[in-house]
Amino acid sequence: MPTPSVHAFAEKVALITNGTSPIGRAVALQLALQGAYVICSYTKASAGDKAVLDELKSLGTLANSFEFTDAKTLIDDVDNLFGRIDLLVNCLREDEDSISKIESMTEESLRLMKSRPKGLIVHVISENQTMHFAENLPTHFRQNCVVTKVKKEVIEHELFVSNNTDDIARVVLFFLSNESKALNRQVLFSD
C-alpha cells in the first residue's frame, strides 16, 4: 500500500472560497501544514471572520485573502498574485444564490487551472443546497463534493459519513490528493 507523501501539496496554490467558515479554516490549516500557498476569500467579513483571517496570517498559513464580490474579480486578484490555481475548494455560504456562485467560481477558475496537469476541485455544501457537478471541465479535472448534513435525495452516491469539521477537512484533502485519483464526482455526507 503506497504511503502518502508529506509533500503532496508543497508549493500548490489553493483557493478556498469562504475560508473563514469552520470547514474552510480547517482546510486552510491542513493545506498550509502540507506546504500549499493558501488563498482564502471571504464575504463581507465580520469581526469573527477577521479574527479567523488574522489567526491564519499569524500562523503563517495564509498567503493572501480577498473579499468575494464576484468570481471574475476574485480570480483576477489570484491571477495577479500567483497566475495559477492548483486546488479549488468551494465553501461558499449558504444563500439563495450559492450554487450559482459555486458554478461561476468553477467556470472562472478554469482559466487559471486549465494549464495545470491536474485540476482538483472540491465543493462543500450544506443539506439545504442542491448540487450538480460542472459538466464542461477538461478530462484531466476531478471534482468531488462534501455535504455537511445528509440529504440523500439530492445526491445519489454516498462515499462515507463523518460529523467532525477536522475530519471533513481531512476528507477534502484526501479528495485533493493523488491518493484519490480514481475518485471523481464522489460525495461525502456528514451529519
Protein backbone atom coordinates (compact mmCIF):
# COMPACT_ATOMS: atom_id res chain seq x y z
CA MET A 1 0.00 0.00 0.00
CA PRO A 2 1.50 3.38 -1.00
CA THR A 3 2.39 5.85 1.71
CA PRO A 4 1.03 9.38 1.17
CA SER A 5 3.79 11.92 0.65
CA VAL A 6 4.07 14.76 3.16
CA HIS A 7 4.96 16.93 0.17
CA ALA A 8 1.79 16.19 -1.83
CA PHE A 9 0.62 19.81 -1.58
CA ALA A 10 4.01 21.54 -1.44
CA GLU A 11 4.01 24.77 -3.44
CA LYS A 12 0.47 24.19 -4.77
CA VAL A 13 -1.74 27.27 -4.96
CA ALA A 14 -5.03 26.57 -3.15
CA LEU A 15 -8.04 28.88 -3.32
CA ILE A 16 -10.62 28.37 -0.59
CA THR A 17 -13.84 30.31 -1.00
CA ASN A 18 -15.26 31.32 2.39
CA GLY A 19 -12.04 30.39 4.13
CA THR A 20 -13.39 31.94 7.34
CA SER A 21 -16.02 29.20 7.77
CA PRO A 22 -15.12 26.40 10.21
CA ILE A 23 -14.54 23.92 7.37
CA GLY A 24 -12.74 26.50 5.21
CA ARG A 25 -10.46 27.39 8.13
CA ALA A 26 -9.71 23.72 8.85
CA VAL A 27 -8.93 23.04 5.18
CA ALA A 28 -6.67 26.12 5.04
CA LEU A 29 -4.73 24.94 8.08
CA GLN A 30 -4.36 21.39 6.75
CA LEU A 31 -3.19 22.57 3.33
CA ALA A 32 -0.72 25.03 4.82
CA LEU A 33 0.70 22.34 7.08
CA GLN A 34 1.36 20.34 3.90
CA GLY A 35 3.16 23.25 2.20
CA ALA A 36 0.45 24.83 0.00
CA TYR A 37 0.10 28.54 -0.69
CA VAL A 38 -3.36 29.22 0.71
CA ILE A 39 -5.63 31.99 -0.52
CA CYS A 40 -8.93 32.50 1.30
CA SER A 41 -11.86 34.52 0.12
CA TYR A 42 -14.44 35.96 2.47
CA THR A 43 -17.79 37.68 2.07
CA LYS A 44 -18.29 40.92 4.00
CA ALA A 45 -16.01 39.88 6.85
CA SER A 46 -17.48 40.19 10.31
CA ALA A 47 -15.31 40.71 13.39
CA GLY A 48 -15.21 36.92 13.83
CA ASP A 49 -14.19 36.40 10.21
CA LYS A 50 -11.42 38.98 10.55
CA ALA A 51 -10.20 37.19 13.68
CA VAL A 52 -10.01 33.91 11.71
CA LEU A 53 -8.05 35.62 8.91
CA ASP A 54 -5.72 37.23 11.46
CA GLU A 55 -5.19 33.84 13.11
CA LEU A 56 -4.39 32.19 9.77
CA LYS A 57 -1.94 35.01 8.96
CA SER A 58 -0.25 34.76 12.37
CA LEU A 59 0.25 31.02 11.88
CA GLY A 60 1.90 31.64 8.52
CA THR A 61 -0.95 29.73 6.89
CA LEU A 62 -2.40 32.41 4.67
CA ALA A 63 -0.65 33.57 1.52
CA ASN A 64 -3.39 36.16 0.99
CA SER A 65 -7.10 36.83 1.37
CA PHE A 66 -9.58 38.63 -0.86
CA GLU A 67 -13.16 39.74 -0.39
CA PHE A 68 -15.53 37.78 -2.58
CA THR A 69 -17.53 40.32 -4.56
CA ASP A 70 -17.81 38.22 -7.71
CA ALA A 71 -15.97 35.28 -9.21
CA LYS A 72 -14.24 37.20 -12.00
CA THR A 73 -12.77 39.83 -9.65
CA LEU A 74 -11.56 37.16 -7.21
CA ILE A 75 -9.90 35.13 -9.96
CA ASP A 76 -8.32 38.32 -11.37
CA ASP A 77 -6.85 39.00 -7.89
CA VAL A 78 -5.47 35.45 -7.68
CA ASP A 79 -4.11 35.75 -11.22
CA ASN A 80 -2.24 38.94 -10.29
CA LEU A 81 -0.80 37.25 -7.19
CA PHE A 82 0.15 33.74 -8.42
CA GLY A 83 -1.01 33.38 -12.02
CA ARG A 84 -2.40 29.92 -11.37
CA ILE A 85 -4.68 27.80 -9.19
CA ASP A 86 -3.88 24.16 -8.49
CA LEU A 87 -6.62 23.38 -5.97
CA LEU A 88 -10.09 24.91 -5.60
CA VAL A 89 -12.28 24.35 -2.54
CA ASN A 90 -15.71 25.97 -2.84
CA CYS A 91 -17.17 26.55 0.65
CA LEU A 92 -19.49 29.44 -0.14
CA ARG A 93 -22.01 30.42 2.49
CA GLU A 94 -25.50 29.11 2.10
CA ASP A 95 -27.82 31.59 0.46
CA GLU A 96 -30.37 31.57 -2.32
CA ASP A 97 -27.66 32.03 -4.94
CA SER A 98 -24.81 29.94 -3.52
CA ILE A 99 -24.93 27.13 -6.08
CA SER A 100 -24.73 29.56 -8.99
CA LYS A 101 -21.79 31.23 -7.16
CA ILE A 102 -20.06 27.84 -6.92
CA GLU A 103 -20.69 27.27 -10.63
CA SER A 104 -19.35 30.71 -11.57
CA MET A 105 -16.27 30.21 -9.33
CA THR A 106 -15.58 26.89 -11.02
CA GLU A 107 -16.00 28.35 -14.51
CA GLU A 108 -13.85 31.44 -13.78
CA SER A 109 -11.16 29.29 -12.13
CA LEU A 110 -10.74 27.26 -15.31
CA ARG A 111 -8.62 29.95 -16.94
CA LEU A 112 -6.02 29.62 -14.14
CA MET A 113 -6.37 25.83 -13.82
CA LYS A 114 -6.54 24.57 -17.43
CA SER A 115 -2.79 24.63 -17.94
CA ARG A 116 -2.16 22.75 -14.70
CA PRO A 117 -1.55 18.99 -15.00
CA LYS A 118 -4.40 18.10 -12.63
CA GLY A 119 -7.44 20.24 -11.93
CA LEU A 120 -8.72 19.35 -8.47
CA ILE A 121 -11.97 20.82 -7.15
CA VAL A 122 -13.99 20.06 -4.04
CA HIS A 123 -17.39 21.64 -3.35
CA VAL A 124 -18.55 21.87 0.28
CA ILE A 125 -22.29 22.44 0.51
CA SER A 126 -25.00 22.16 3.17
CA GLU A 127 -28.01 19.91 3.13
CA ASN A 128 -30.17 22.84 2.05
CA GLN A 129 -28.22 23.30 -1.17
CA THR A 130 -28.64 21.15 -4.25
CA MET A 131 -25.57 20.04 -6.13
CA HIS A 132 -24.80 19.19 -9.68
CA PHE A 133 -21.28 18.84 -10.94
CA ALA A 134 -19.89 21.11 -13.64
CA GLU A 135 -20.09 19.30 -16.95
CA ASN A 136 -17.69 21.39 -19.06
CA LEU A 137 -14.45 20.55 -17.26
CA PRO A 138 -11.41 19.19 -19.11
CA THR A 139 -10.99 15.43 -18.83
CA HIS A 140 -7.93 15.75 -16.54
CA PHE A 141 -10.02 17.57 -13.90
CA ARG A 142 -11.56 15.88 -10.89
CA GLN A 143 -14.36 17.33 -8.81
CA ASN A 144 -15.92 15.87 -5.70
CA CYS A 145 -18.37 17.12 -3.09
CA VAL A 146 -18.87 17.24 0.68
CA VAL A 147 -22.42 17.70 2.02
CA THR A 148 -22.34 18.98 5.59
CA LYS A 149 -25.64 17.30 6.52
CA VAL A 150 -27.27 14.27 4.98
CA LYS A 151 -29.79 14.94 2.21
CA LYS A 152 -29.75 11.72 0.25
CA GLU A 153 -32.46 12.79 -2.17
CA VAL A 154 -30.09 15.45 -3.58
CA ILE A 155 -27.04 13.29 -4.28
CA GLU A 156 -27.23 9.62 -5.20
CA HIS A 157 -23.83 8.14 -4.23
CA GLU A 158 -22.61 8.18 -0.64
CA LEU A 159 -18.89 7.63 -0.07
CA PHE A 160 -18.91 7.62 3.74
CA VAL A 161 -20.23 9.56 6.75
CA SER A 162 -18.40 11.95 9.12
CA ASN A 163 -19.51 14.50 11.73
CA ASN A 164 -16.39 16.47 12.63
CA THR A 165 -15.05 19.65 10.96
CA ASP A 166 -11.43 18.46 11.10
CA ASP A 167 -12.44 15.06 9.74
CA ILE A 168 -14.30 16.77 6.91
CA ALA A 169 -11.21 18.89 6.20
CA ARG A 170 -9.10 15.72 6.01
CA VAL A 171 -11.57 14.21 3.55
CA VAL A 172 -11.40 17.38 1.45
CA LEU A 173 -7.61 16.97 1.41
CA PHE A 174 -7.99 13.32 0.51
CA PHE A 175 -10.18 14.32 -2.45
CA LEU A 176 -7.44 16.80 -3.47
CA SER A 177 -4.64 14.26 -3.15
CA ASN A 178 -3.15 11.78 -5.60
CA GLU A 179 -4.43 9.01 -3.37
CA SER A 180 -7.96 9.69 -4.64
CA LYS A 181 -7.09 9.72 -8.33
CA ALA A 182 -9.77 7.13 -9.10
CA LEU A 183 -12.48 9.23 -7.42
CA ASN A 184 -14.43 11.73 -9.46
CA ARG A 185 -17.90 13.09 -8.78
CA GLN A 186 -18.00 11.34 -5.40
CA VAL A 187 -19.73 12.71 -2.31
CA LEU A 188 -19.03 12.78 1.41
CA PHE A 189 -22.11 13.08 3.60
CA SER A 190 -21.80 14.27 7.18
CA ASP A 191 -24.35 14.54 9.97
